[in-house]
């Protein structure tokens, strides 16, 4: 079973490993909004979706991390199929994949 992904962990794992001020700029949200999230406040759903879209993620993943959907909800949406069965590495461009590999290598240090 996958670990529950909370909102701060979701932010920490965004493609490109952006700083909080970069998240604010990319989403056109106030830096104080990001600070409130870091202090434990949940994002509102539209902000969660904005973050996902700004960093090439799927909005459903952000809504799960934000606490608005559960993995059971996703199972119902995808008729029990894992997202991995619905997407392929070919669905992502090379720049996105390279940035993700770099992020994971940096995180492993």
Protein backbone atom coordinates (compact mmCIF):
# COMPACT_ATOMS: atom_id res chain seq x y z
CA UNK A 1 0.00 0.00 0.00
CA UNK A 2 1.31 3.44 -0.92
CA UNK A 3 2.10 5.94 1.80
CA UNK A 4 -0.43 8.71 2.27
CA UNK A 5 0.83 11.78 0.51
CA UNK A 6 0.21 14.91 2.55
CA UNK A 7 0.17 18.39 1.06
CA UNK A 8 3.63 19.46 2.26
CA UNK A 9 5.18 16.27 0.94
CA UNK A 10 3.37 16.85 -2.34
CA UNK A 11 4.89 20.34 -2.55
CA UNK A 12 8.34 18.94 -1.72
CA UNK A 13 8.06 16.47 -4.59
CA UNK A 14 6.98 18.84 -7.37
CA UNK A 15 8.89 18.56 -10.64
CA UNK A 16 11.97 20.76 -10.57
CA UNK A 17 11.97 20.89 -6.77
CA UNK A 18 10.82 24.53 -6.65
CA UNK A 19 11.23 26.79 -3.63
CA UNK A 20 8.11 28.17 -1.99
CA UNK A 21 8.49 31.56 -3.68
CA UNK A 22 8.68 29.79 -7.06
CA UNK A 23 5.48 27.88 -6.27
CA UNK A 24 3.79 31.17 -5.41
CA UNK A 25 4.99 32.82 -8.62
CA UNK A 26 4.06 29.87 -10.85
CA UNK A 27 0.55 29.68 -9.43
CA UNK A 28 0.05 33.46 -9.04
CA UNK A 29 -0.72 32.93 -5.35
CA UNK A 30 0.51 35.07 -2.49
CA UNK A 31 3.66 33.77 -0.77
CA UNK A 32 1.69 33.95 2.49
CA UNK A 33 -0.66 31.29 1.08
CA UNK A 34 2.27 28.90 0.62
CA UNK A 35 3.48 29.76 4.15
CA UNK A 36 0.06 28.86 5.58
CA UNK A 37 0.20 25.52 3.76
CA UNK A 38 3.65 24.87 5.24
CA UNK A 39 2.19 25.61 8.68
CA UNK A 40 -0.43 22.92 8.16
CA UNK A 41 -3.39 24.62 6.51
CA UNK A 42 -4.89 22.60 3.66
CA UNK A 43 -5.07 24.24 0.26
CA UNK A 44 -8.46 24.98 -1.19
CA UNK A 45 -9.27 22.67 -4.12
CA UNK A 46 -8.74 25.29 -6.82
CA UNK A 47 -5.29 26.12 -5.44
CA UNK A 48 -4.36 22.42 -5.30
CA UNK A 49 -5.34 22.06 -8.96
CA UNK A 50 -3.40 25.23 -9.87
CA UNK A 51 -0.25 23.83 -8.27
CA UNK A 52 -0.60 20.52 -10.11
CA UNK A 53 -1.11 22.22 -13.45
CA UNK A 54 1.73 24.70 -12.93
CA UNK A 55 4.20 21.87 -12.36
CA UNK A 56 2.95 19.31 -14.87
CA UNK A 57 1.11 17.11 -12.39
CA UNK A 58 -2.36 15.68 -12.61
CA UNK A 59 -5.00 17.58 -10.63
CA UNK A 60 -6.33 14.36 -9.10
CA UNK A 61 -3.00 13.72 -7.38
CA UNK A 62 -3.08 17.20 -5.89
CA UNK A 63 -6.64 16.70 -4.68
CA UNK A 64 -5.62 13.47 -2.95
CA UNK A 65 -2.61 15.17 -1.33
CA UNK A 66 -4.83 18.07 -0.26
CA UNK A 67 -7.24 15.66 1.42
CA UNK A 68 -10.18 16.19 -0.92
CA UNK A 69 -10.12 12.77 -2.57
CA UNK A 70 -9.01 9.34 -1.38
CA UNK A 71 -7.33 6.51 -3.21
CA UNK A 72 -10.71 4.74 -3.07
CA UNK A 73 -12.21 7.70 -4.93
CA UNK A 74 -9.57 7.30 -7.62
CA UNK A 75 -10.26 3.58 -7.85
CA UNK A 76 -13.91 4.37 -8.50
CA UNK A 77 -13.00 6.97 -11.12
CA UNK A 78 -10.60 4.65 -12.91
CA UNK A 79 -12.75 1.54 -12.51
CA UNK A 80 -10.17 -0.11 -10.25
CA UNK A 81 -7.28 0.36 -12.70
CA UNK A 82 -4.09 1.86 -11.35
CA UNK A 83 -3.09 5.17 -12.88
CA UNK A 84 0.06 3.39 -14.07
CA UNK A 85 -2.19 1.26 -16.26
CA UNK A 86 -3.73 4.37 -17.79
CA UNK A 87 -0.54 6.33 -18.42
CA UNK A 88 2.78 5.52 -19.99
CA UNK A 89 6.22 7.07 -19.79
CA UNK A 90 5.54 8.08 -23.40
CA UNK A 91 2.85 10.46 -22.12
CA UNK A 92 5.58 12.73 -20.66
CA UNK A 93 8.00 14.88 -22.61
CA UNK A 94 11.75 14.38 -22.33
CA UNK A 95 12.32 17.61 -20.39
CA UNK A 96 9.81 16.59 -17.74
CA UNK A 97 11.37 13.12 -17.38
CA UNK A 98 14.90 14.55 -17.20
CA UNK A 99 13.84 17.03 -14.51
CA UNK A 100 12.21 14.22 -12.53
CA UNK A 101 15.32 12.03 -12.74
CA UNK A 102 17.48 14.97 -11.59
CA UNK A 103 15.11 15.71 -8.72
CA UNK A 104 15.21 12.10 -7.55
CA UNK A 105 18.99 11.95 -7.78
CA UNK A 106 19.31 15.15 -5.75
CA UNK A 107 16.82 13.83 -3.20
CA UNK A 108 18.81 10.59 -2.79
CA UNK A 109 21.95 12.49 -1.72
